[in-house]
Amino acid sequence: MKVLFDTRRIQKLGRVSLSEQLLRNAGLQEGDQVDIYFDAITKRIIIEPAALSYDQAASEKLASGRKG
């Protein structure tokens, strides 16, 4: 289901900022990696959480173990 959260202007360097509420609803936070796709047929930009590689998942597990 498509939900309109906001309308934003594209900034000078091609950047678009995403609202904190949108990120929260998408389960994302600052520093998370995302994959960006372009659908040439529909001319849509799609942003999805990046799938962690095995190495990234292992290093994050080690880092979280050091914090506690």
PDB file of N, CA and C in Angstrom:
ATOM      1  N   MET A   1       0.841  -1.175   0.000  1.00  0.00           N
ATOM      2  CA  MET A   1       0.000   0.000   0.000  1.00  0.00           C
ATOM      3  C   MET A   1       0.888   1.242   0.000  1.00  0.00           C
ATOM      4  N   LYS A   2       0.581   2.176  -0.852  1.00  0.00           N
ATOM      5  CA  LYS A   2       1.349   3.402  -0.976  1.00  0.00           C
ATOM      6  C   LYS A   2       0.731   4.473  -0.081  1.00  0.00           C
ATOM      7  N   VAL A   3       1.573   5.147   0.741  1.00  0.00           N
ATOM      8  CA  VAL A   3       1.111   6.193   1.652  1.00  0.00           C
ATOM      9  C   VAL A   3       1.962   7.437   1.428  1.00  0.00           C
ATOM     10  N   LEU A   4       1.332   8.585   1.204  1.00  0.00           N
ATOM     11  CA  LEU A   4       2.065   9.843   1.038  1.00  0.00           C
ATOM     12  C   LEU A   4       2.417  10.396   2.412  1.00  0.00           C
ATOM     13  N   PHE A   5       3.701  10.544   2.699  1.00  0.00           N
ATOM     14  CA  PHE A   5       4.151  11.092   3.974  1.00  0.00           C
ATOM     15  C   PHE A   5       4.414  12.580   3.877  1.00  0.00           C
ATOM     16  N   ASP A   6       4.974  13.017   2.769  1.00  0.00           N
ATOM     17  CA  ASP A   6       5.412  14.403   2.658  1.00  0.00           C
ATOM     18  C   ASP A   6       5.766  14.686   1.206  1.00  0.00           C
ATOM     19  N   THR A   7       5.887  15.949   0.886  1.00  0.00           N
ATOM     20  CA  THR A   7       6.414  16.367  -0.406  1.00  0.00           C
ATOM     21  C   THR A   7       7.671  17.165  -0.117  1.00  0.00           C
ATOM     22  N   ARG A   8       8.771  16.785  -0.709  1.00  0.00           N
ATOM     23  CA  ARG A   8      10.062  17.433  -0.454  1.00  0.00           C
ATOM     24  C   ARG A   8      10.657  17.955  -1.752  1.00  0.00           C
ATOM     25  N   ARG A   9      11.438  19.002  -1.620  1.00  0.00           N
ATOM     26  CA  ARG A   9      12.144  19.582  -2.755  1.00  0.00           C
ATOM     27  C   ARG A   9      13.518  18.911  -2.868  1.00  0.00           C
ATOM     28  N   ILE A  10      13.945  18.642  -4.088  1.00  0.00           N
ATOM     29  CA  ILE A  10      15.277  18.077  -4.314  1.00  0.00           C
ATOM     30  C   ILE A  10      16.291  19.192  -4.102  1.00  0.00           C
ATOM     31  N   GLN A  11      17.289  18.925  -3.256  1.00  0.00           N
ATOM     32  CA  GLN A  11      18.304  19.917  -2.923  1.00  0.00           C
ATOM     33  C   GLN A  11      19.344  20.021  -4.032  1.00  0.00           C
ATOM     34  N   LYS A  12      20.199  21.027  -3.910  1.00  0.00           N
ATOM     35  CA  LYS A  12      21.173  21.355  -4.941  1.00  0.00           C
ATOM     36  C   LYS A  12      22.026  20.163  -5.391  1.00  0.00           C
ATOM     37  N   LEU A  13      22.495  19.355  -4.472  1.00  0.00           N
ATOM     38  CA  LEU A  13      23.368  18.228  -4.815  1.00  0.00           C
ATOM     39  C   LEU A  13      22.594  16.951  -5.122  1.00  0.00           C
ATOM     40  N   GLY A  14      21.283  17.085  -5.361  1.00  0.00           N
ATOM     41  CA  GLY A  14      20.462  15.923  -5.685  1.00  0.00           C
ATOM     42  C   GLY A  14      19.970  15.169  -4.467  1.00  0.00           C
ATOM     43  N   ARG A  15      20.095  15.773  -3.305  1.00  0.00           N
ATOM     44  CA  ARG A  15      19.676  15.118  -2.062  1.00  0.00           C
ATOM     45  C   ARG A  15      18.206  15.365  -1.774  1.00  0.00           C
ATOM     46  N   VAL A  16      17.606  14.391  -1.109  1.00  0.00           N
ATOM     47  CA  VAL A  16      16.234  14.518  -0.610  1.00  0.00           C
ATOM     48  C   VAL A  16      16.266  14.045   0.834  1.00  0.00           C
ATOM     49  N   SER A  17      15.817  14.878   1.759  1.00  0.00           N
ATOM     50  CA  SER A  17      15.807  14.460   3.166  1.00  0.00           C
ATOM     51  C   SER A  17      14.517  13.713   3.472  1.00  0.00           C
ATOM     52  N   LEU A  18      14.628  12.710   4.331  1.00  0.00           N
ATOM     53  CA  LEU A  18      13.478  11.904   4.729  1.00  0.00           C
ATOM     54  C   LEU A  18      13.126  12.248   6.171  1.00  0.00           C
ATOM     55  N   SER A  19      11.848  12.384   6.456  1.00  0.00           N
ATOM     56  CA  SER A  19      11.423  12.775   7.800  1.00  0.00           C
ATOM     57  C   SER A  19      11.715  11.668   8.808  1.00  0.00           C
ATOM     58  N   GLU A  20      11.879  12.077  10.057  1.00  0.00           N
ATOM     59  CA  GLU A  20      12.128  11.126  11.138  1.00  0.00           C
ATOM     60  C   GLU A  20      10.970  10.137  11.265  1.00  0.00           C
ATOM     61  N   GLN A  21       9.751  10.626  11.094  1.00  0.00           N
ATOM     62  CA  GLN A  21       8.571   9.763  11.190  1.00  0.00           C
ATOM     63  C   GLN A  21       8.577   8.700  10.081  1.00  0.00           C
ATOM     64  N   LEU A  22       8.940   9.099   8.870  1.00  0.00           N
ATOM     65  CA  LEU A  22       8.999   8.143   7.763  1.00  0.00           C
ATOM     66  C   LEU A  22      10.046   7.067   8.040  1.00  0.00           C
ATOM     67  N   LEU A  23      11.231   7.491   8.491  1.00  0.00           N
ATOM     68  CA  LEU A  23      12.287   6.526   8.802  1.00  0.00           C
ATOM     69  C   LEU A  23      11.844   5.565   9.901  1.00  0.00           C
ATOM     70  N   ARG A  24      11.215   6.097  10.929  1.00  0.00           N
ATOM     71  CA  ARG A  24      10.739   5.265  12.041  1.00  0.00           C
ATOM     72  C   ARG A  24       9.723   4.234  11.546  1.00  0.00           C
ATOM     73  N   ASN A  25       8.780   4.677  10.719  1.00  0.00           N
ATOM     74  CA  ASN A  25       7.770   3.763  10.180  1.00  0.00           C
ATOM     75  C   ASN A  25       8.387   2.702   9.273  1.00  0.00           C
ATOM     76  N   ALA A  26       9.499   3.041   8.619  1.00  0.00           N
ATOM     77  CA  ALA A  26      10.181   2.092   7.733  1.00  0.00           C
ATOM     78  C   ALA A  26      11.157   1.204   8.504  1.00  0.00           C
ATOM     79  N   GLY A  27      11.296   1.453   9.813  1.00  0.00           N
ATOM     80  CA  GLY A  27      12.215   0.658  10.621  1.00  0.00           C
ATOM     81  C   GLY A  27      13.668   1.016  10.376  1.00  0.00           C
ATOM     82  N   LEU A  28      13.916   2.264   9.967  1.00  0.00           N
ATOM     83  CA  LEU A  28      15.268   2.719   9.664  1.00  0.00           C
ATOM     84  C   LEU A  28      15.692   3.795  10.652  1.00  0.00           C
ATOM     85  N   GLN A  29      17.014   3.945  10.799  1.00  0.00           N
ATOM     86  CA  GLN A  29      17.534   5.032  11.616  1.00  0.00           C
ATOM     87  C   GLN A  29      18.825   5.548  10.995  1.00  0.00           C
ATOM     88  N   GLU A  30      19.282   6.692  11.479  1.00  0.00           N
ATOM     89  CA  GLU A  30      20.497   7.300  10.949  1.00  0.00           C
ATOM     90  C   GLU A  30      21.642   6.294  11.009  1.00  0.00           C
ATOM     91  N   GLY A  31      22.382   6.195   9.915  1.00  0.00           N
ATOM     92  CA  GLY A  31      23.516   5.283   9.843  1.00  0.00           C
ATOM     93  C   GLY A  31      23.198   3.946   9.196  1.00  0.00           C
ATOM     94  N   ASP A  32      21.913   3.608   9.084  1.00  0.00           N
ATOM     95  CA  ASP A  32      21.537   2.359   8.424  1.00  0.00           C
ATOM     96  C   ASP A  32      21.891   2.427   6.942  1.00  0.00           C
ATOM     97  N   GLN A  33      22.206   1.288   6.359  1.00  0.00           N
ATOM     98  CA  GLN A  33      22.467   1.224   4.927  1.00  0.00           C
ATOM     99  C   GLN A  33      21.189   0.855   4.200  1.00  0.00           C
ATOM    100  N   VAL A  34      20.999   1.470   3.029  1.00  0.00           N
ATOM    101  CA  VAL A  34      19.826   1.179   2.213  1.00  0.00           C
ATOM    102  C   VAL A  34      20.269   0.889   0.786  1.00  0.00           C
ATOM    103  N   ASP A  35      19.476   0.096   0.095  1.00  0.00           N
ATOM    104  CA  ASP A  35      19.663  -0.142  -1.337  1.00  0.00           C
ATOM    105  C   ASP A  35      18.701   0.777  -2.069  1.00  0.00           C
ATOM    106  N   ILE A  36      19.166   1.399  -3.141  1.00  0.00           N
ATOM    107  CA  ILE A  36      18.339   2.319  -3.917  1.00  0.00           C
ATOM    108  C   ILE A  36      18.203   1.757  -5.324  1.00  0.00           C
ATOM    109  N   TYR A  37      16.969   1.559  -5.739  1.00  0.00           N
ATOM    110  CA  TYR A  37      16.660   1.005  -7.059  1.00  0.00           C
ATOM    111  C   TYR A  37      15.899   2.040  -7.872  1.00  0.00           C
ATOM    112  N   PHE A  38      16.026   1.939  -9.190  1.00  0.00           N
ATOM    113  CA  PHE A  38      15.230   2.760 -10.098  1.00  0.00           C
ATOM    114  C   PHE A  38      14.485   1.833 -11.034  1.00  0.00           C
ATOM    115  N   ASP A  39      13.164   1.947 -11.043  1.00  0.00           N
ATOM    116  CA  ASP A  39      12.320   1.163 -11.945  1.00  0.00           C
ATOM    117  C   ASP A  39      12.117   2.001 -13.204  1.00  0.00           C
ATOM    118  N   ALA A  40      12.790   1.629 -14.286  1.00  0.00           N
ATOM    119  CA  ALA A  40      12.752   2.410 -15.524  1.00  0.00           C
ATOM    120  C   ALA A  40      11.376   2.420 -16.173  1.00  0.00           C
ATOM    121  N   ILE A  41      10.579   1.395 -15.935  1.00  0.00           N
ATOM    122  CA  ILE A  41       9.247   1.338 -16.543  1.00  0.00           C
ATOM    123  C   ILE A  41       8.297   2.323 -15.874  1.00  0.00           C
ATOM    124  N   THR A  42       8.273   2.309 -14.537  1.00  0.00           N
ATOM    125  CA  THR A  42       7.348   3.192 -13.810  1.00  0.00           C
ATOM    126  C   THR A  42       7.983   4.523 -13.418  1.00  0.00           C
ATOM    127  N   LYS A  43       9.312   4.645 -13.637  1.00  0.00           N
ATOM    128  CA  LYS A  43      10.082   5.834 -13.259  1.00  0.00           C
ATOM    129  C   LYS A  43       9.960   6.121 -11.763  1.00  0.00           C
ATOM    130  N   ARG A  44      10.040   5.060 -10.959  1.00  0.00           N
ATOM    131  CA  ARG A  44       9.946   5.148  -9.501  1.00  0.00           C
ATOM    132  C   ARG A  44      11.315   4.870  -8.881  1.00  0.00           C
ATOM    133  N   ILE A  45      11.619   5.589  -7.822  1.00  0.00           N
ATOM    134  CA  ILE A  45      12.811   5.340  -7.023  1.00  0.00           C
ATOM    135  C   ILE A  45      12.367   4.526  -5.815  1.00  0.00           C
ATOM    136  N   ILE A  46      13.060   3.437  -5.560  1.00  0.00           N
ATOM    137  CA  ILE A  46      12.688   2.528  -4.478  1.00  0.00           C
ATOM    138  C   ILE A  46      13.855   2.439  -3.501  1.00  0.00           C
ATOM    139  N   ILE A  47      13.573   2.673  -2.226  1.00  0.00           N
ATOM    140  CA  ILE A  47      14.588   2.595  -1.175  1.00  0.00           C
ATOM    141  C   ILE A  47      14.200   1.450  -0.250  1.00  0.00           C
ATOM    142  N   GLU A  48      15.133   0.509  -0.054  1.00  0.00           N
ATOM    143  CA  GLU A  48      14.882  -0.642   0.813  1.00  0.00           C
ATOM    144  C   GLU A  48      16.054  -0.803   1.774  1.00  0.00           C
ATOM    145  N   PRO A  49      15.793  -1.328   2.973  1.00  0.00           N
ATOM    146  CA  PRO A  49      16.911  -1.622   3.875  1.00  0.00           C
ATOM    147  C   PRO A  49      17.879  -2.578   3.178  1.00  0.00           C
ATOM    148  N   ALA A  50      19.170  -2.312   3.318  1.00  0.00           N
ATOM    149  CA  ALA A  50      20.176  -3.169   2.684  1.00  0.00           C
ATOM    150  C   ALA A  50      20.255  -4.495   3.417  1.00  0.00           C
ATOM    151  N   ALA A  51      20.366  -5.558   2.656  1.00  0.00           N
ATOM    152  CA  ALA A  51      20.593  -6.876   3.246  1.00  0.00           C
ATOM    153  C   ALA A  51      22.044  -6.915   3.698  1.00  0.00           C
ATOM    154  N   LEU A  52      22.272  -7.293   4.949  1.00  0.00           N
ATOM    155  CA  LEU A  52      23.635  -7.337   5.465  1.00  0.00           C
ATOM    156  C   LEU A  52      24.385  -8.522   4.881  1.00  0.00           C
ATOM    157  N   SER A  53      25.629  -8.278   4.499  1.00  0.00           N
ATOM    158  CA  SER A  53      26.476  -9.388   4.070  1.00  0.00           C
ATOM    159  C   SER A  53      26.885 -10.181   5.311  1.00  0.00           C
ATOM    160  N   TYR A  54      27.425 -11.353   5.115  1.00  0.00           N
ATOM    161  CA  TYR A  54      27.860 -12.186   6.242  1.00  0.00           C
ATOM    162  C   TYR A  54      28.896 -11.441   7.077  1.00  0.00           C
ATOM    163  N   ASP A  55      29.859 -10.758   6.426  1.00  0.00           N
ATOM    164  CA  ASP A  55      30.910 -10.030   7.143  1.00  0.00           C
ATOM    165  C   ASP A  55      30.330  -8.883   7.956  1.00  0.00           C
ATOM    166  N   GLN A  56      29.367  -8.142   7.383  1.00  0.00           N
ATOM    167  CA  GLN A  56      28.745  -7.034   8.102  1.00  0.00           C
ATOM    168  C   GLN A  56      27.986  -7.546   9.316  1.00  0.00           C
ATOM    169  N   ALA A  57      27.234  -8.614   9.158  1.00  0.00           N
ATOM    170  CA  ALA A  57      26.454  -9.173  10.260  1.00  0.00           C
ATOM    171  C   ALA A  57      27.381  -9.646  11.378  1.00  0.00           C
ATOM    172  N   ALA A  58      28.491 -10.284  11.024  1.00  0.00           N
ATOM    173  CA  ALA A  58      29.434 -10.776  12.025  1.00  0.00           C
ATOM    174  C   ALA A  58      30.081  -9.619  12.779  1.00  0.00           C
ATOM    175  N   SER A  59      30.484  -8.560  12.070  1.00  0.00           N
ATOM    176  CA  SER A  59      31.120  -7.428  12.743  1.00  0.00           C
ATOM    177  C   SER A  59      30.125  -6.677  13.622  1.00  0.00           C
ATOM    178  N   GLU A  60      28.855  -6.581  13.208  1.00  0.00           N
ATOM    179  CA  GLU A  60      27.844  -5.934  14.042  1.00  0.00           C
ATOM    180  C   GLU A  60      27.571  -6.756  15.294  1.00  0.00           C
ATOM    181  N   LYS A  61      27.593  -8.066  15.162  1.00  0.00           N
ATOM    182  CA  LYS A  61      27.376  -8.935  16.320  1.00  0.00           C
ATOM    183  C   LYS A  61      28.517  -8.757  17.317  1.00  0.00           C
ATOM    184  N   LEU A  62      29.746  -8.680  16.826  1.00  0.00           N
ATOM    185  CA  LEU A  62      30.894  -8.457  17.700  1.00  0.00           C
ATOM    186  C   LEU A  62      30.808  -7.096  18.376  1.00  0.00           C
ATOM    187  N   ALA A  63      30.447  -6.069  17.613  1.00  0.00           N
ATOM    188  CA  ALA A  63      30.353  -4.716  18.166  1.00  0.00           C
ATOM    189  C   ALA A  63      29.286  -4.642  19.250  1.00  0.00           C
ATOM    190  N   SER A  64      28.157  -5.275  19.042  1.00  0.00           N
ATOM    191  CA  SER A  64      27.089  -5.230  20.042  1.00  0.00           C
ATOM    192  C   SER A  64      27.492  -6.006  21.291  1.00  0.00           C
ATOM    193  N   GLY A  65      28.311  -7.025  21.144  1.00  0.00           N
ATOM    194  CA  GLY A  65      28.791  -7.792  22.292  1.00  0.00           C
ATOM    195  C   GLY A  65      29.744  -6.991  23.153  1.00  0.00           C
ATOM    196  N   ARG A  66      30.497  -6.084  22.554  1.00  0.00           N
ATOM    197  CA  ARG A  66      31.442  -5.250  23.299  1.00  0.00           C
ATOM    198  C   ARG A  66      30.734  -4.188  24.120  1.00  0.00           C
ATOM    199  N   LYS A  67      29.562  -3.745  23.653  1.00  0.00           N
ATOM    200  CA  LYS A  67      28.835  -2.682  24.358  1.00  0.00           C
ATOM    201  C   LYS A  67      28.293  -3.166  25.698  1.00  0.00           C
ATOM    202  N   GLY A  68      27.876  -4.423  25.782  1.00  0.00           N
ATOM    203  CA  GLY A  68      27.202  -4.931  26.964  1.00  0.00           C
ATOM    204  C   GLY A  68      28.138  -5.582  27.861  1.00  0.00           C
TER     205      GLY A  68
END
